[in-house]
PDB file of N, CA and C in Angstrom:
ATOM      1  N   MET A   1       0.888  -1.188   0.042  1.00  0.00           N
ATOM      2  CA  MET A   1      -0.061   0.070  -0.131  1.00  0.00           C
ATOM      3  C   MET A   1       0.759   1.343  -0.198  1.00  0.00           C
ATOM      4  N   LYS A   2       0.622   2.299  -0.972  1.00  0.00           N
ATOM      5  CA  LYS A   2       1.407   3.379  -0.861  1.00  0.00           C
ATOM      6  C   LYS A   2       0.562   4.415   0.328  1.00  0.00           C
ATOM      7  N   TRP A   3       1.789   4.780   1.316  1.00  0.00           N
ATOM      8  CA  TRP A   3       1.166   5.425   2.253  1.00  0.00           C
ATOM      9  C   TRP A   3       1.968   6.905   2.414  1.00  0.00           C
ATOM     10  N   PRO A   4       1.171   7.707   3.047  1.00  0.00           N
ATOM     11  CA  PRO A   4      -0.311   8.057   2.939  1.00  0.00           C
ATOM     12  C   PRO A   4      -1.073   8.184   1.443  1.00  0.00           C
ATOM     13  N   CYS A   5      -2.214   7.609   1.437  1.00  0.00           N
ATOM     14  CA  CYS A   5      -2.902   7.856   0.382  1.00  0.00           C
ATOM     15  C   CYS A   5      -3.995   8.873   0.099  1.00  0.00           C
ATOM     16  N   ARG A   6      -3.191  10.105   0.365  1.00  0.00           N
ATOM     17  CA  ARG A   6      -4.294  11.324   0.150  1.00  0.00           C
ATOM     18  C   ARG A   6      -4.898  11.584   1.286  1.00  0.00           C
ATOM     19  N   GLY A   7      -4.674  10.977   2.455  1.00  0.00           N
ATOM     20  CA  GLY A   7      -5.292  11.174   3.900  1.00  0.00           C
ATOM     21  C   GLY A   7      -6.480  10.313   4.001  1.00  0.00           C
ATOM     22  N   ARG A   8      -6.890  10.652   5.349  1.00  0.00           N
ATOM     23  CA  ARG A   8      -8.092  10.150   5.693  1.00  0.00           C
ATOM     24  C   ARG A   8      -9.560  10.226   5.113  1.00  0.00           C
ATOM     25  N   ALA A   9      -9.645  11.527   4.237  1.00  0.00           N
ATOM     26  CA  ALA A   9     -10.525  12.194   3.357  1.00  0.00           C
ATOM     27  C   ALA A   9     -10.568  11.714   1.815  1.00  0.00           C
ATOM     28  N   ALA A  10      -9.537  10.855   1.617  1.00  0.00           N
ATOM     29  CA  ALA A  10      -9.465   9.850   0.522  1.00  0.00           C
ATOM     30  C   ALA A  10     -10.675   8.328   0.678  1.00  0.00           C
ATOM     31  N   TYR A  11     -10.428   8.067   1.809  1.00  0.00           N
ATOM     32  CA  TYR A  11     -11.777   6.865   2.069  1.00  0.00           C
ATOM     33  C   TYR A  11     -12.299   6.872   2.874  1.00  0.00           C
ATOM     34  N   TRP A  12     -12.493   7.594   4.005  1.00  0.00           N
ATOM     35  CA  TRP A  12     -13.138   7.480   5.333  1.00  0.00           C
ATOM     36  C   TRP A  12     -14.195   8.460   5.358  1.00  0.00           C
ATOM     37  N   ALA A  13     -14.164   9.958   5.179  1.00  0.00           N
ATOM     38  CA  ALA A  13     -14.990  10.749   5.509  1.00  0.00           C
ATOM     39  C   ALA A  13     -15.045  11.972   4.250  1.00  0.00           C
ATOM     40  N   GLU A  14     -15.989  12.515   4.085  1.00  0.00           N
ATOM     41  CA  GLU A  14     -15.700  13.547   2.855  1.00  0.00           C
ATOM     42  C   GLU A  14     -14.694  14.556   3.473  1.00  0.00           C
ATOM     43  N   SER A  15     -14.429  14.988   4.759  1.00  0.00           N
ATOM     44  CA  SER A  15     -13.457  15.646   4.815  1.00  0.00           C
ATOM     45  C   SER A  15     -13.027  15.141   6.529  1.00  0.00           C
ATOM     46  N   ALA A  16     -11.710  15.285   6.953  1.00  0.00           N
ATOM     47  CA  ALA A  16     -11.424  14.999   8.525  1.00  0.00           C
ATOM     48  C   ALA A  16     -10.051  15.785   8.581  1.00  0.00           C
ATOM     49  N   PRO A  17     -10.268  17.179   8.837  1.00  0.00           N
ATOM     50  CA  PRO A  17      -9.448  17.911   9.161  1.00  0.00           C
ATOM     51  C   PRO A  17      -9.037  17.689  10.659  1.00  0.00           C
ATOM     52  N   GLU A  18      -7.578  17.929  10.996  1.00  0.00           N
ATOM     53  CA  GLU A  18      -7.158  17.514  12.477  1.00  0.00           C
ATOM     54  C   GLU A  18      -6.585  18.993  12.645  1.00  0.00           C
ATOM     55  N   VAL A  19      -6.884  19.483  14.071  1.00  0.00           N
ATOM     56  CA  VAL A  19      -6.413  20.956  14.517  1.00  0.00           C
ATOM     57  C   VAL A  19      -6.365  20.384  15.897  1.00  0.00           C
ATOM     58  N   ASP A  20      -5.096  20.842  16.412  1.00  0.00           N
ATOM     59  CA  ASP A  20      -4.628  20.458  17.823  1.00  0.00           C
ATOM     60  C   ASP A  20      -5.082  19.290  18.352  1.00  0.00           C
ATOM     61  N   GLY A  21      -4.812  18.053  17.442  1.00  0.00           N
ATOM     62  CA  GLY A  21      -4.909  16.762  18.115  1.00  0.00           C
ATOM     63  C   GLY A  21      -6.044  16.225  18.064  1.00  0.00           C
ATOM     64  N   VAL A  22      -6.831  17.241  17.333  1.00  0.00           N
ATOM     65  CA  VAL A  22      -8.479  16.340  17.224  1.00  0.00           C
ATOM     66  C   VAL A  22      -8.672  16.263  16.015  1.00  0.00           C
ATOM     67  N   ILE A  23      -9.377  15.225  15.363  1.00  0.00           N
ATOM     68  CA  ILE A  23      -9.739  15.265  14.190  1.00  0.00           C
ATOM     69  C   ILE A  23     -11.604  15.247  13.945  1.00  0.00           C
ATOM     70  N   THR A  24     -11.728  16.324  13.173  1.00  0.00           N
ATOM     71  CA  THR A  24     -13.470  16.341  12.711  1.00  0.00           C
ATOM     72  C   THR A  24     -13.582  15.816  11.965  1.00  0.00           C
ATOM     73  N   PHE A  25     -14.241  14.658  11.641  1.00  0.00           N
ATOM     74  CA  PHE A  25     -15.013  13.600  10.694  1.00  0.00           C
ATOM     75  C   PHE A  25     -16.398  14.319  10.164  1.00  0.00           C
ATOM     76  N   HIS A  26     -16.350  14.738   9.056  1.00  0.00           N
ATOM     77  CA  HIS A  26     -17.533  15.211   8.334  1.00  0.00           C
ATOM     78  C   HIS A  26     -17.984  13.903   7.359  1.00  0.00           C
ATOM     79  N   MET A  27     -18.867  13.211   7.609  1.00  0.00           N
ATOM     80  CA  MET A  27     -19.251  11.914   6.949  1.00  0.00           C
ATOM     81  C   MET A  27     -20.847  12.302   6.594  1.00  0.00           C
ATOM     82  N   LEU A  28     -21.294  11.950   5.153  1.00  0.00           N
ATOM     83  CA  LEU A  28     -22.588  12.127   4.525  1.00  0.00           C
ATOM     84  C   LEU A  28     -23.614  12.025   5.474  1.00  0.00           C
ATOM     85  N   ASN A  29     -24.406  12.829   5.461  1.00  0.00           N
ATOM     86  CA  ASN A  29     -25.772  12.864   6.283  1.00  0.00           C
ATOM     87  C   ASN A  29     -25.614  12.639   7.872  1.00  0.00           C
ATOM     88  N   TYR A  30     -24.660  12.956   8.500  1.00  0.00           N
ATOM     89  CA  TYR A  30     -24.444  12.659   9.820  1.00  0.00           C
ATOM     90  C   TYR A  30     -23.877  14.321  10.400  1.00  0.00           C
ATOM     91  N   GLU A  31     -24.227  14.593  11.743  1.00  0.00           N
ATOM     92  CA  GLU A  31     -23.090  15.611  11.969  1.00  0.00           C
ATOM     93  C   GLU A  31     -22.169  15.417  12.240  1.00  0.00           C
ATOM     94  N   PRO A  32     -20.909  16.469  12.081  1.00  0.00           N
ATOM     95  CA  PRO A  32     -19.854  16.185  12.190  1.00  0.00           C
ATOM     96  C   PRO A  32     -19.353  15.626  13.829  1.00  0.00           C
ATOM     97  N   PHE A  33     -18.321  14.650  13.805  1.00  0.00           N
ATOM     98  CA  PHE A  33     -17.563  14.126  15.087  1.00  0.00           C
ATOM     99  C   PHE A  33     -16.495  14.323  15.155  1.00  0.00           C
ATOM    100  N   ALA A  34     -15.934  15.200  16.298  1.00  0.00           N
ATOM    101  CA  ALA A  34     -14.617  15.486  16.903  1.00  0.00           C
ATOM    102  C   ALA A  34     -14.009  14.020  17.455  1.00  0.00           C
ATOM    103  N   GLY A  35     -12.759  13.499  17.245  1.00  0.00           N
ATOM    104  CA  GLY A  35     -12.291  12.521  17.887  1.00  0.00           C
ATOM    105  C   GLY A  35     -10.874  12.840  18.443  1.00  0.00           C
ATOM    106  N   ARG A  36     -10.416  12.935  19.331  1.00  0.00           N
ATOM    107  CA  ARG A  36      -9.144  12.933  19.873  1.00  0.00           C
ATOM    108  C   ARG A  36      -8.120  12.020  19.493  1.00  0.00           C
ATOM    109  N   ILE A  37      -7.177  12.329  18.928  1.00  0.00           N
ATOM    110  CA  ILE A  37      -5.932  11.522  18.763  1.00  0.00           C
ATOM    111  C   ILE A  37      -5.367  11.049  20.349  1.00  0.00           C
ATOM    112  N   LEU A  38      -5.250   9.799  20.301  1.00  0.00           N
ATOM    113  CA  LEU A  38      -4.934   9.047  21.620  1.00  0.00           C
ATOM    114  C   LEU A  38      -3.343   8.784  21.871  1.00  0.00           C
ATOM    115  N   LYS A  39      -2.974   8.452  20.545  1.00  0.00           N
ATOM    116  CA  LYS A  39      -1.723   8.016  20.454  1.00  0.00           C
ATOM    117  C   LYS A  39      -1.300   8.312  18.892  1.00  0.00           C
ATOM    118  N   ARG A  40      -0.146   8.376  18.741  1.00  0.00           N
ATOM    119  CA  ARG A  40       0.536   8.394  17.498  1.00  0.00           C
ATOM    120  C   ARG A  40       2.112   8.136  17.299  1.00  0.00           C
ATOM    121  N   VAL A  41       2.526   7.514  16.560  1.00  0.00           N
ATOM    122  CA  VAL A  41       3.777   6.978  16.498  1.00  0.00           C
ATOM    123  C   VAL A  41       4.152   6.619  15.270  1.00  0.00           C
ATOM    124  N   GLU A  42       4.658   7.699  14.568  1.00  0.00           N
ATOM    125  CA  GLU A  42       4.749   7.683  12.923  1.00  0.00           C
ATOM    126  C   GLU A  42       5.657   7.167  12.678  1.00  0.00           C
ATOM    127  N   PRO A  43       5.814   6.035  11.481  1.00  0.00           N
ATOM    128  CA  PRO A  43       4.856   5.964  10.738  1.00  0.00           C
ATOM    129  C   PRO A  43       4.186   4.675  10.644  1.00  0.00           C
ATOM    130  N   SER A  44       4.290   4.293  12.384  1.00  0.00           N
ATOM    131  CA  SER A  44       3.815   2.529  12.247  1.00  0.00           C
ATOM    132  C   SER A  44       2.419   2.559  13.250  1.00  0.00           C
ATOM    133  N   MET A  45       1.753   3.733  14.042  1.00  0.00           N
ATOM    134  CA  MET A  45       0.593   3.437  14.951  1.00  0.00           C
ATOM    135  C   MET A  45      -0.187   4.843  15.019  1.00  0.00           C
ATOM    136  N   PHE A  46      -1.234   4.809  15.090  1.00  0.00           N
ATOM    137  CA  PHE A  46      -2.249   5.830  15.360  1.00  0.00           C
ATOM    138  C   PHE A  46      -3.261   5.323  15.984  1.00  0.00           C
ATOM    139  N   THR A  47      -3.727   6.067  17.094  1.00  0.00           N
ATOM    140  CA  THR A  47      -5.045   5.632  17.999  1.00  0.00           C
ATOM    141  C   THR A  47      -5.828   6.762  17.798  1.00  0.00           C
ATOM    142  N   VAL A  48      -7.115   6.527  17.636  1.00  0.00           N
ATOM    143  CA  VAL A  48      -7.966   7.765  17.556  1.00  0.00           C
ATOM    144  C   VAL A  48      -9.473   7.304  18.235  1.00  0.00           C
ATOM    145  N   GLU A  49      -9.838   8.386  18.992  1.00  0.00           N
ATOM    146  CA  GLU A  49     -11.402   8.179  19.545  1.00  0.00           C
ATOM    147  C   GLU A  49     -12.348   8.441  18.475  1.00  0.00           C
ATOM    148  N   TYR A  50     -13.104   7.365  18.566  1.00  0.00           N
ATOM    149  CA  TYR A  50     -13.806   7.535  17.408  1.00  0.00           C
ATOM    150  C   TYR A  50     -15.248   6.777  18.075  1.00  0.00           C
ATOM    151  N   PHE A  51     -16.494   7.743  18.236  1.00  0.00           N
ATOM    152  CA  PHE A  51     -17.821   7.639  18.293  1.00  0.00           C
ATOM    153  C   PHE A  51     -17.600   6.736  19.853  1.00  0.00           C
ATOM    154  N   GLY A  52     -16.930   6.665  20.780  1.00  0.00           N
ATOM    155  CA  GLY A  52     -17.009   6.177  22.132  1.00  0.00           C
ATOM    156  C   GLY A  52     -15.992   4.994  22.081  1.00  0.00           C
ATOM    157  N   THR A  53     -15.242   4.786  21.166  1.00  0.00           N
ATOM    158  CA  THR A  53     -14.215   3.772  20.979  1.00  0.00           C
ATOM    159  C   THR A  53     -12.890   4.267  20.921  1.00  0.00           C
ATOM    160  N   ALA A  54     -11.956   3.482  21.147  1.00  0.00           N
ATOM    161  CA  ALA A  54     -10.627   3.755  20.881  1.00  0.00           C
ATOM    162  C   ALA A  54     -10.118   2.903  19.740  1.00  0.00           C
ATOM    163  N   VAL A  55      -9.625   3.418  18.714  1.00  0.00           N
ATOM    164  CA  VAL A  55      -9.433   2.633  17.365  1.00  0.00           C
ATOM    165  C   VAL A  55      -7.817   2.606  17.234  1.00  0.00           C
ATOM    166  N   GLU A  56      -7.158   1.672  17.207  1.00  0.00           N
ATOM    167  CA  GLU A  56      -5.555   1.800  16.900  1.00  0.00           C
ATOM    168  C   GLU A  56      -5.575   0.971  15.495  1.00  0.00           C
ATOM    169  N   PHE A  57      -4.588   1.776  14.605  1.00  0.00           N
ATOM    170  CA  PHE A  57      -4.275   1.195  13.423  1.00  0.00           C
ATOM    171  C   PHE A  57      -2.781   1.179  13.365  1.00  0.00           C
ATOM    172  N   SER A  58      -2.619   0.049  13.363  1.00  0.00           N
ATOM    173  CA  SER A  58      -1.099  -0.454  13.205  1.00  0.00           C
ATOM    174  C   SER A  58      -0.358  -0.762  11.833  1.00  0.00           C
ATOM    175  N   PHE A  59       0.729  -0.403  11.227  1.00  0.00           N
ATOM    176  CA  PHE A  59       1.162  -0.596  10.120  1.00  0.00           C
ATOM    177  C   PHE A  59       2.594  -1.446  10.382  1.00  0.00           C
ATOM    178  N   PHE A  60       2.555  -2.278   9.325  1.00  0.00           N
ATOM    179  CA  PHE A  60       3.734  -3.266   9.304  1.00  0.00           C
ATOM    180  C   PHE A  60       4.122  -3.879   8.140  1.00  0.00           C
ATOM    181  N   GLY A  61       5.676  -3.973   7.919  1.00  0.00           N
ATOM    182  CA  GLY A  61       5.938  -4.913   7.064  1.00  0.00           C
ATOM    183  C   GLY A  61       5.488  -6.121   6.857  1.00  0.00           C
ATOM    184  N   ASP A  62       5.011  -6.706   5.546  1.00  0.00           N
ATOM    185  CA  ASP A  62       4.883  -7.976   5.417  1.00  0.00           C
ATOM    186  C   ASP A  62       5.423  -8.726   4.434  1.00  0.00           C
ATOM    187  N   VAL A  63       5.667 -10.054   4.233  1.00  0.00           N
ATOM    188  CA  VAL A  63       6.643 -10.977   3.751  1.00  0.00           C
ATOM    189  C   VAL A  63       6.738 -10.598   2.273  1.00  0.00           C
ATOM    190  N   THR A  64       6.152  -9.668   1.675  1.00  0.00           N
ATOM    191  CA  THR A  64       6.070  -9.619   0.233  1.00  0.00           C
ATOM    192  C   THR A  64       6.889  -8.398   0.033  1.00  0.00           C
ATOM    193  N   GLY A  65       7.016  -7.444   1.039  1.00  0.00           N
ATOM    194  CA  GLY A  65       7.592  -6.071   0.970  1.00  0.00           C
ATOM    195  C   GLY A  65       6.728  -5.125   1.146  1.00  0.00           C
ATOM    196  N   GLY A  66       5.277  -5.669   1.434  1.00  0.00           N
ATOM    197  CA  GLY A  66       4.443  -4.566   1.306  1.00  0.00           C
ATOM    198  C   GLY A  66       3.971  -3.758   2.796  1.00  0.00           C
ATOM    199  N   THR A  67       2.613  -3.622   2.933  1.00  0.00           N
ATOM    200  CA  THR A  67       2.284  -2.857   4.138  1.00  0.00           C
ATOM    201  C   THR A  67       1.403  -3.856   4.703  1.00  0.00           C
ATOM    202  N   GLY A  68       1.145  -4.146   5.912  1.00  0.00           N
ATOM    203  CA  GLY A  68       0.115  -4.925   6.741  1.00  0.00           C
ATOM    204  C   GLY A  68      -0.531  -4.124   7.254  1.00  0.00           C
ATOM    205  N   LEU A  69      -1.637  -4.108   7.776  1.00  0.00           N
ATOM    206  CA  LEU A  69      -2.517  -3.170   8.558  1.00  0.00           C
ATOM    207  C   LEU A  69      -3.381  -4.110   9.672  1.00  0.00           C
ATOM    208  N   SER A  70      -3.079  -3.652  10.650  1.00  0.00           N
ATOM    209  CA  SER A  70      -4.055  -4.143  12.091  1.00  0.00           C
ATOM    210  C   SER A  70      -4.680  -3.345  12.253  1.00  0.00           C
ATOM    211  N   LEU A  71      -6.389  -3.703  12.396  1.00  0.00           N
ATOM    212  CA  LEU A  71      -6.913  -2.615  13.077  1.00  0.00           C
ATOM    213  C   LEU A  71      -7.803  -3.070  14.435  1.00  0.00           C
ATOM    214  N   VAL A  72      -7.907  -2.544  15.266  1.00  0.00           N
ATOM    215  CA  VAL A  72      -8.395  -2.672  16.771  1.00  0.00           C
ATOM    216  C   VAL A  72      -9.291  -1.916  17.278  1.00  0.00           C
ATOM    217  N   ALA A  73     -10.491  -2.098  17.797  1.00  0.00           N
ATOM    218  CA  ALA A  73     -11.597  -1.217  18.054  1.00  0.00           C
ATOM    219  C   ALA A  73     -11.498  -1.668  19.461  1.00  0.00           C
ATOM    220  N   SER A  74     -11.188  -0.616  20.440  1.00  0.00           N
ATOM    221  CA  SER A  74     -11.385  -1.223  21.844  1.00  0.00           C
ATOM    222  C   SER A  74     -12.403  -0.361  22.452  1.00  0.00           C
ATOM    223  N   LEU A  75     -13.080  -0.510  23.954  1.00  0.00           N
ATOM    224  CA  LEU A  75     -13.824   0.061  24.757  1.00  0.00           C
ATOM    225  C   LEU A  75     -15.381  -0.050  23.954  1.00  0.00           C
ATOM    226  N   VAL A  76     -15.683  -0.860  23.094  1.00  0.00           N
ATOM    227  CA  VAL A  76     -16.813  -1.235  22.381  1.00  0.00           C
ATOM    228  C   VAL A  76     -18.039  -1.495  23.029  1.00  0.00           C
ATOM    229  N   ASP A  77     -18.862  -0.920  22.971  1.00  0.00           N
ATOM    230  CA  ASP A  77     -20.501  -0.908  23.540  1.00  0.00           C
ATOM    231  C   ASP A  77     -21.076  -2.459  22.991  1.00  0.00           C
ATOM    232  N   GLU A  78     -21.116  -3.579  23.531  1.00  0.00           N
ATOM    233  CA  GLU A  78     -21.561  -4.838  22.870  1.00  0.00           C
ATOM    234  C   GLU A  78     -23.045  -4.481  22.099  1.00  0.00           C
ATOM    235  N   LEU A  79     -23.890  -3.564  22.353  1.00  0.00           N
ATOM    236  CA  LEU A  79     -24.992  -3.640  21.720  1.00  0.00           C
ATOM    237  C   LEU A  79     -24.522  -3.303  20.188  1.00  0.00           C
ATOM    238  N   PHE A  80     -23.363  -2.209  20.185  1.00  0.00           N
ATOM    239  CA  PHE A  80     -23.228  -1.837  18.342  1.00  0.00           C
ATOM    240  C   PHE A  80     -21.762  -2.614  17.718  1.00  0.00           C
ATOM    241  N   ARG A  81     -21.177  -3.599  18.495  1.00  0.00           N
ATOM    242  CA  ARG A  81     -20.438  -4.384  18.072  1.00  0.00           C
ATOM    243  C   ARG A  81     -20.363  -4.707  16.606  1.00  0.00           C
ATOM    244  N   TRP A  82     -21.798  -5.468  16.180  1.00  0.00           N
ATOM    245  CA  TRP A  82     -21.539  -6.210  15.090  1.00  0.00           C
ATOM    246  C   TRP A  82     -21.845  -4.975  13.961  1.00  0.00           C
ATOM    247  N   LYS A  83     -22.834  -3.807  14.278  1.00  0.00           N
ATOM    248  CA  LYS A  83     -22.643  -2.639  13.416  1.00  0.00           C
ATOM    249  C   LYS A  83     -21.471  -2.248  13.202  1.00  0.00           C
ATOM    250  N   MET A  84     -20.652  -2.227  14.164  1.00  0.00           N
ATOM    251  CA  MET A  84     -19.281  -1.549  14.076  1.00  0.00           C
ATOM    252  C   MET A  84     -18.422  -2.323  13.126  1.00  0.00           C
ATOM    253  N   ALA A  85     -18.415  -3.534  13.553  1.00  0.00           N
ATOM    254  CA  ALA A  85     -17.783  -4.566  12.666  1.00  0.00           C
ATOM    255  C   ALA A  85     -17.919  -4.298  11.360  1.00  0.00           C
ATOM    256  N   ALA A  86     -19.385  -4.280  10.859  1.00  0.00           N
ATOM    257  CA  ALA A  86     -19.413  -4.092   9.358  1.00  0.00           C
ATOM    258  C   ALA A  86     -18.961  -2.672   9.048  1.00  0.00           C
ATOM    259  N   GLY A  87     -19.319  -1.577   9.597  1.00  0.00           N
ATOM    260  CA  GLY A  87     -18.535  -0.439   9.180  1.00  0.00           C
ATOM    261  C   GLY A  87     -17.035  -0.097   8.961  1.00  0.00           C
ATOM    262  N   TRP A  88     -16.230  -0.940   9.955  1.00  0.00           N
ATOM    263  CA  TRP A  88     -14.927  -1.096   9.813  1.00  0.00           C
ATOM    264  C   TRP A  88     -14.324  -1.816   8.503  1.00  0.00           C
ATOM    265  N   VAL A  89     -15.265  -2.857   8.163  1.00  0.00           N
ATOM    266  CA  VAL A  89     -15.111  -3.493   6.740  1.00  0.00           C
ATOM    267  C   VAL A  89     -14.953  -2.796   5.782  1.00  0.00           C
ATOM    268  N   SER A  90     -16.161  -1.846   5.756  1.00  0.00           N
ATOM    269  CA  SER A  90     -16.412  -0.945   4.765  1.00  0.00           C
ATOM    270  C   SER A  90     -15.337   0.293   4.813  1.00  0.00           C
ATOM    271  N   VAL A  91     -14.762   0.814   5.849  1.00  0.00           N
ATOM    272  CA  VAL A  91     -13.650   1.538   5.827  1.00  0.00           C
ATOM    273  C   VAL A  91     -12.246   0.804   5.216  1.00  0.00           C
ATOM    274  N   LEU A  92     -12.048  -0.170   5.691  1.00  0.00           N
ATOM    275  CA  LEU A  92     -10.970  -1.234   5.422  1.00  0.00           C
ATOM    276  C   LEU A  92     -10.778  -1.193   3.818  1.00  0.00           C
ATOM    277  N   MET A  93     -12.161  -1.767   2.855  1.00  0.00           N
ATOM    278  CA  MET A  93     -11.940  -1.832   1.940  1.00  0.00           C
ATOM    279  C   MET A  93     -11.979  -0.565   0.841  1.00  0.00           C
ATOM    280  N   ALA A  94     -12.530   0.366   1.493  1.00  0.00           N
ATOM    281  CA  ALA A  94     -12.363   1.823   0.808  1.00  0.00           C
ATOM    282  C   ALA A  94     -10.792   2.198   0.883  1.00  0.00           C
ATOM    283  N   MET A  95     -10.355   1.944   2.083  1.00  0.00           N
ATOM    284  CA  MET A  95      -8.923   2.091   2.273  1.00  0.00           C
ATOM    285  C   MET A  95      -7.762   1.555   1.472  1.00  0.00           C
ATOM    286  N   LYS A  96      -8.350   0.266   1.098  1.00  0.00           N
ATOM    287  CA  LYS A  96      -7.332  -0.672   0.010  1.00  0.00           C
ATOM    288  C   LYS A  96      -7.707   0.138  -1.324  1.00  0.00           C
ATOM    289  N   ALA A  97      -8.919  -0.040  -1.615  1.00  0.00           N
ATOM    290  CA  ALA A  97      -9.420   0.717  -2.660  1.00  0.00           C
ATOM    291  C   ALA A  97      -8.229   1.918  -3.245  1.00  0.00           C
ATOM    292  N   ALA A  98      -8.369   2.899  -2.294  1.00  0.00           N
ATOM    293  CA  ALA A  98      -7.763   4.356  -2.375  1.00  0.00           C
ATOM    294  C   ALA A  98      -6.015   4.041  -2.261  1.00  0.00           C
ATOM    295  N   GLY A  99      -5.843   3.349  -1.305  1.00  0.00           N
ATOM    296  CA  GLY A  99      -4.228   3.266  -1.228  1.00  0.00           C
ATOM    297  C   GLY A  99      -3.683   2.102  -2.905  1.00  0.00           C
ATOM    298  N   ASP A 100      -4.205   1.175  -2.846  1.00  0.00           N
ATOM    299  CA  ASP A 100      -3.658   0.264  -3.770  1.00  0.00           C
ATOM    300  C   ASP A 100      -3.821   0.780  -5.490  1.00  0.00           C
ATOM    301  N   HIS A 101      -5.228   1.318  -5.620  1.00  0.00           N
ATOM    302  CA  HIS A 101      -5.678   1.765  -6.886  1.00  0.00           C
ATOM    303  C   HIS A 101      -6.076   3.135  -7.434  1.00  0.00           C
ATOM    304  N   GLY A 102      -5.869   3.973  -6.175  1.00  0.00           N
ATOM    305  CA  GLY A 102      -6.666   5.409  -6.233  1.00  0.00           C
ATOM    306  C   GLY A 102      -8.047   5.494  -6.656  1.00  0.00           C
ATOM    307  N   VAL A 103      -8.785   4.428  -6.198  1.00  0.00           N
ATOM    308  CA  VAL A 103     -10.227   4.283  -6.430  1.00  0.00           C
ATOM    309  C   VAL A 103     -10.764   4.821  -5.019  1.00  0.00           C
ATOM    310  N   ASP A 104     -12.071   5.530  -5.349  1.00  0.00           N
ATOM    311  CA  ASP A 104     -12.764   6.122  -4.280  1.00  0.00           C
ATOM    312  C   ASP A 104     -13.921   5.333  -4.402  1.00  0.00           C
ATOM    313  N   ARG A 105     -14.209   4.633  -3.323  1.00  0.00           N
ATOM    314  CA  ARG A 105     -15.325   3.715  -3.279  1.00  0.00           C
ATOM    315  C   ARG A 105     -16.522   4.088  -2.519  1.00  0.00           C
ATOM    316  N   ARG A 106     -16.533   5.717  -1.691  1.00  0.00           N
ATOM    317  CA  ARG A 106     -17.282   6.152  -1.351  1.00  0.00           C
ATOM    318  C   ARG A 106     -18.899   6.584  -1.612  1.00  0.00           C
ATOM    319  N   ASN A 107     -19.868   6.631  -1.249  1.00  0.00           N
ATOM    320  CA  ASN A 107     -20.906   6.728  -1.971  1.00  0.00           C
ATOM    321  C   ASN A 107     -20.859   8.297  -2.431  1.00  0.00           C
ATOM    322  N   HIS A 108     -20.783   9.440  -1.758  1.00  0.00           N
ATOM    323  CA  HIS A 108     -21.336  10.799  -1.972  1.00  0.00           C
ATOM    324  C   HIS A 108     -22.545  11.432  -2.288  1.00  0.00           C
ATOM    325  N   ASP A 109     -23.866  10.283  -2.268  1.00  0.00           N
ATOM    326  CA  ASP A 109     -24.953  10.571  -2.710  1.00  0.00           C
ATOM    327  C   ASP A 109     -25.625  10.847  -1.677  1.00  0.00           C
ATOM    328  N   PRO A 110     -26.112  11.828  -0.969  1.00  0.00           N
ATOM    329  CA  PRO A 110     -27.247  11.721  -0.112  1.00  0.00           C
ATOM    330  C   PRO A 110     -28.641  11.119   0.291  1.00  0.00           C
ATOM    331  N   SER A 111     -28.632  11.043  -0.887  1.00  0.00           N
ATOM    332  CA  SER A 111     -30.112  10.364  -0.997  1.00  0.00           C
ATOM    333  C   SER A 111     -29.853   8.762  -0.715  1.00  0.00           C
ATOM    334  N   SER A 112     -28.847   8.459  -0.798  1.00  0.00           N
ATOM    335  CA  SER A 112     -28.776   6.884  -0.609  1.00  0.00           C
ATOM    336  C   SER A 112     -27.516   6.408   0.263  1.00  0.00           C
ATOM    337  N   SER A 113     -27.881   6.941   1.339  1.00  0.00           N
ATOM    338  CA  SER A 113     -26.652   6.931   2.353  1.00  0.00           C
ATOM    339  C   SER A 113     -27.184   5.817   3.769  1.00  0.00           C
ATOM    340  N   ARG A 114     -26.174   5.399   4.236  1.00  0.00           N
ATOM    341  CA  ARG A 114     -26.272   4.394   5.407  1.00  0.00           C
ATOM    342  C   ARG A 114     -26.761   4.996   6.401  1.00  0.00           C
ATOM    343  N   SER A 115     -27.050   6.037   6.483  1.00  0.00           N
ATOM    344  CA  SER A 115     -28.172   6.863   7.608  1.00  0.00           C
ATOM    345  C   SER A 115     -29.203   6.737   7.451  1.00  0.00           C
ATOM    346  N   ASP A 116     -29.746   6.600   6.001  1.00  0.00           N
ATOM    347  CA  ASP A 116     -30.859   6.366   5.651  1.00  0.00           C
ATOM    348  C   ASP A 116     -31.392   5.248   5.686  1.00  0.00           C
ATOM    349  N   SER A 117     -30.562   4.278   6.136  1.00  0.00           N
ATOM    350  CA  SER A 117     -30.752   2.607   5.638  1.00  0.00           C
ATOM    351  C   SER A 117     -30.878   2.131   4.447  1.00  0.00           C
ATOM    352  N   TYR A 118     -30.383   2.891   3.650  1.00  0.00           N
ATOM    353  CA  TYR A 118     -30.232   2.505   2.207  1.00  0.00           C
ATOM    354  C   TYR A 118     -29.815   1.225   1.803  1.00  0.00           C
ATOM    355  N   ALA A 119     -28.852   0.689   2.634  1.00  0.00           N
ATOM    356  CA  ALA A 119     -28.182  -0.826   2.424  1.00  0.00           C
ATOM    357  C   ALA A 119     -28.978  -1.764   3.011  1.00  0.00           C
ATOM    358  N   ASP A 120     -30.146  -1.178   3.707  1.00  0.00           N
ATOM    359  CA  ASP A 120     -31.196  -2.345   4.349  1.00  0.00           C
ATOM    360  C   ASP A 120     -32.497  -2.579   3.170  1.00  0.00           C
ATOM    361  N   ASN A 121     -32.797  -1.542   2.533  1.00  0.00           N
ATOM    362  CA  ASN A 121     -33.708  -1.594   1.638  1.00  0.00           C
ATOM    363  C   ASN A 121     -33.595  -2.640   0.662  1.00  0.00           C
TER     364      ASN A 121
END
């Protein structure tokens, strides 16, 4: 994976500016969410507060000379675990598409977003 791949706004949020250790995520049809950066060890590890969880991204070399990624969400409310797992799979797939192929897999259409149960219809 070529890293960084245009930053968080290339795959995660419509925009995600960082100011003074706080990232403000602007996502389609949601109120902006501000999450504190809890830990950063460049270029190998990054932990951010995200909707009541702590999410750690760790990057490491793999056997092919590429980059591996581990994502661990802790402090997760059990009522939301499966919904969050599906959301992280979506973020990781979009991240891979952006990093490996320069492809934007996000929706960008406010009339067909997850917040409106579009995927449930």
